Amino acid sequence: MSEPLTAPGEGFHPHLHDTPGRSDVSLRGRLHHVRADSLDDGTAQTGGMRRFAAVSGRTVGSEKLWMGQTHVAPETSSSDHHHGESETAIYVVSGHPEFVFLDDSGGRAEEVRLRTSPGDYVFVPPFVPHREENPDPREEAVVVIARSTQEAIVVNLPGLYALPAEEA
């Protein structure tokens, strides 16, 4: 048996923007390895946090999914925002981020704060205004995010008010 030309997983995956003649069809027929040190910071941002794309249309040619990381510095809050039509799933990797939203299911809008720990998951439905906070004075909060849209949708808001989906 002949030796492989490269180590397993090395050099197999083309850079999407650096390979002339590659079509999206050929990219959909192979696995893509996105290394931790090559996450894309050229994605939608919200004040107070940093988002990095790992899986997106731009990075690997995905059509229905966006996945990446968000970092919130110690004693920092993000701006209020929502993610349009995206469903968003969040997995807490490190820190104790808090997710804040308004719950008006009881007839009166009330601020709710979800306090999380590593290993926890949070689901954010489409168009729900929220913000992330990291109250810890020393440790950065890091979460992994998966979205049901191919790119990150971020609509920054002046406050935590709810807009009906047809008005957003």
Protein backbone atom coordinates (compact mmCIF):
# COMPACT_ATOMS: atom_id res chain seq x y z
CA MET A 1 0.00 0.00 0.00
CA SER A 2 1.40 3.45 -0.86
CA GLU A 3 1.94 6.13 1.76
CA PRO A 4 -0.45 9.08 1.73
CA LEU A 5 1.03 12.33 0.36
CA THR A 6 -0.17 14.27 3.40
CA ALA A 7 -1.12 13.46 6.96
CA PRO A 8 -4.75 12.39 7.40
CA GLY A 9 -6.98 15.46 7.22
CA GLU A 10 -4.15 17.77 6.08
CA GLY A 11 -4.33 19.66 2.81
CA PHE A 12 -7.49 17.96 1.61
CA HIS A 13 -9.92 20.84 2.02
CA PRO A 14 -9.53 23.75 -0.39
CA HIS A 15 -9.81 27.36 0.69
CA LEU A 16 -13.12 28.46 -0.77
CA HIS A 17 -11.82 31.78 -2.05
CA ASP A 18 -8.35 30.65 -3.14
CA THR A 19 -9.23 27.76 -5.45
CA PRO A 20 -10.19 28.87 -8.99
CA GLY A 21 -12.62 26.64 -10.85
CA ARG A 22 -14.19 25.09 -7.72
CA SER A 23 -17.96 25.05 -7.77
CA ASP A 24 -20.31 24.90 -4.80
CA VAL A 25 -21.35 21.43 -6.03
CA SER A 26 -17.85 20.02 -5.47
CA LEU A 27 -17.73 21.59 -1.99
CA ARG A 28 -20.96 19.81 -1.02
CA GLY A 29 -19.47 16.37 -1.70
CA ARG A 30 -16.77 16.42 0.97
CA LEU A 31 -16.20 17.06 4.67
CA HIS A 32 -14.66 20.34 5.78
CA HIS A 33 -12.32 20.70 8.74
CA VAL A 34 -12.41 24.18 10.28
CA ARG A 35 -9.53 24.60 12.70
CA ALA A 36 -9.97 26.55 15.92
CA ASP A 37 -7.29 29.01 14.84
CA SER A 38 -8.98 29.76 11.52
CA LEU A 39 -12.42 30.98 12.65
CA ASP A 40 -13.78 33.91 10.62
CA ASP A 41 -14.35 37.21 12.47
CA GLY A 42 -15.90 38.77 9.35
CA THR A 43 -19.43 37.98 10.52
CA ALA A 44 -22.30 40.05 11.92
CA GLN A 45 -21.35 41.63 15.25
CA THR A 46 -23.08 43.13 18.28
CA GLY A 47 -21.45 45.60 20.63
CA GLY A 48 -19.93 44.02 23.76
CA MET A 49 -19.18 40.64 22.21
CA ARG A 50 -17.09 39.02 19.46
CA ARG A 51 -18.58 36.47 17.05
CA PHE A 52 -16.50 34.03 15.01
CA ALA A 53 -17.96 31.90 12.21
CA ALA A 54 -16.83 28.31 11.80
CA VAL A 55 -19.53 26.85 9.53
CA SER A 56 -21.27 29.21 7.10
CA GLY A 57 -21.94 29.65 3.43
CA ARG A 58 -18.77 31.69 3.14
CA THR A 59 -16.48 29.35 5.09
CA VAL A 60 -17.60 25.89 3.90
CA GLY A 61 -20.52 26.40 1.50
CA SER A 62 -23.30 25.50 3.96
CA GLU A 63 -26.81 26.33 2.77
CA LYS A 64 -29.00 25.96 5.87
CA LEU A 65 -26.72 26.25 8.89
CA TRP A 66 -24.44 28.75 10.61
CA MET A 67 -22.23 27.73 13.53
CA GLY A 68 -19.56 29.55 15.46
CA GLN A 69 -18.41 30.98 18.76
CA THR A 70 -19.21 34.08 20.78
CA HIS A 71 -16.87 35.57 23.36
CA VAL A 72 -18.03 38.07 26.01
CA ALA A 73 -15.31 39.75 28.06
CA PRO A 74 -15.50 39.92 31.87
CA GLU A 75 -18.00 42.44 33.26
CA THR A 76 -19.44 43.09 29.79
CA SER A 77 -22.93 43.11 28.27
CA SER A 78 -23.82 42.83 24.62
CA SER A 79 -26.15 45.26 22.96
CA ASP A 80 -29.80 44.26 22.75
CA HIS A 81 -30.47 42.34 19.53
CA HIS A 82 -32.38 39.53 17.83
CA HIS A 83 -31.51 37.06 15.07
CA GLY A 84 -34.38 37.60 12.63
CA GLU A 85 -35.84 34.38 11.28
CA SER A 86 -33.02 32.23 12.72
CA GLU A 87 -33.57 29.71 15.43
CA THR A 88 -30.46 29.83 17.62
CA ALA A 89 -29.08 27.08 19.85
CA ILE A 90 -26.36 28.01 22.34
CA TYR A 91 -23.96 25.72 24.21
CA VAL A 92 -22.00 27.23 27.11
CA VAL A 93 -18.32 26.25 26.88
CA SER A 94 -16.84 28.38 29.67
CA GLY A 95 -17.81 31.09 32.10
CA HIS A 96 -21.28 31.85 33.44
CA PRO A 97 -22.98 34.02 30.82
CA GLU A 98 -26.45 35.35 31.52
CA PHE A 99 -29.10 35.67 28.82
CA VAL A 100 -31.65 38.45 29.35
CA PHE A 101 -35.02 38.84 27.60
CA LEU A 102 -38.52 40.20 28.24
CA ASP A 103 -41.25 37.65 28.98
CA ASP A 104 -44.74 39.01 28.37
CA SER A 105 -46.54 35.66 28.57
CA GLY A 106 -48.12 36.69 31.90
CA GLY A 107 -49.77 39.76 30.38
CA ARG A 108 -47.08 42.12 31.67
CA ALA A 109 -43.54 42.39 30.30
CA GLU A 110 -41.02 41.18 32.85
CA GLU A 111 -37.24 40.97 32.47
CA VAL A 112 -35.99 37.38 32.79
CA ARG A 113 -32.35 36.48 33.37
CA LEU A 114 -31.14 32.95 32.56
CA ARG A 115 -27.97 32.24 34.55
CA THR A 116 -25.93 29.51 32.87
CA SER A 117 -22.91 27.30 33.52
CA PRO A 118 -20.57 25.27 31.29
CA GLY A 119 -22.46 22.41 29.68
CA ASP A 120 -25.82 24.27 29.64
CA TYR A 121 -27.85 24.90 26.49
CA VAL A 122 -30.11 27.86 25.63
CA PHE A 123 -32.63 28.08 22.77
CA VAL A 124 -33.48 31.49 21.28
CA PRO A 125 -36.58 31.50 19.02
CA PRO A 126 -36.72 33.74 15.93
CA PHE A 127 -37.20 37.49 16.45
CA VAL A 128 -36.87 37.34 20.28
CA PRO A 129 -34.92 40.39 21.55
CA HIS A 130 -32.24 39.50 24.09
CA ARG A 131 -28.72 40.26 25.25
CA GLU A 132 -25.81 38.31 26.71
CA GLU A 133 -24.06 39.45 29.86
CA ASN A 134 -20.92 38.27 31.58
CA PRO A 135 -20.98 39.49 35.19
CA ASP A 136 -17.76 37.65 36.13
CA PRO A 137 -14.94 40.13 36.88
CA ARG A 138 -12.17 37.74 35.74
CA GLU A 139 -13.32 35.05 33.28
CA GLU A 140 -14.36 35.48 29.63
CA ALA A 141 -17.61 33.68 28.71
CA VAL A 142 -17.42 31.51 25.57
CA VAL A 143 -20.40 29.85 23.89
CA VAL A 144 -20.87 27.80 20.72
CA ILE A 145 -23.80 28.90 18.57
CA ALA A 146 -25.74 27.05 15.87
CA ARG A 147 -28.30 28.88 13.73
CA SER A 148 -30.91 27.63 11.30
CA THR A 149 -29.89 30.14 8.65
CA GLN A 150 -26.84 29.92 6.43
CA GLU A 151 -25.32 33.20 7.67
CA ALA A 152 -25.49 34.96 11.02
CA ILE A 153 -28.44 37.35 11.16
CA VAL A 154 -28.03 40.06 13.79
CA VAL A 155 -30.48 42.93 14.21
CA ASN A 156 -29.18 45.35 16.84
CA LEU A 157 -31.92 47.09 18.84
CA PRO A 158 -32.19 50.15 21.08
CA GLY A 159 -33.85 48.06 23.83
CA LEU A 160 -35.43 44.75 24.83
CA TYR A 161 -38.79 45.37 23.23
CA ALA A 162 -40.61 42.70 21.28
CA LEU A 163 -41.56 43.29 17.64
CA PRO A 164 -44.08 41.02 15.96
CA ALA A 165 -42.31 38.98 13.27
CA GLU A 166 -44.24 40.72 10.46
CA GLU A 167 -42.96 44.15 11.66
CA ALA A 168 -39.32 43.13 12.10
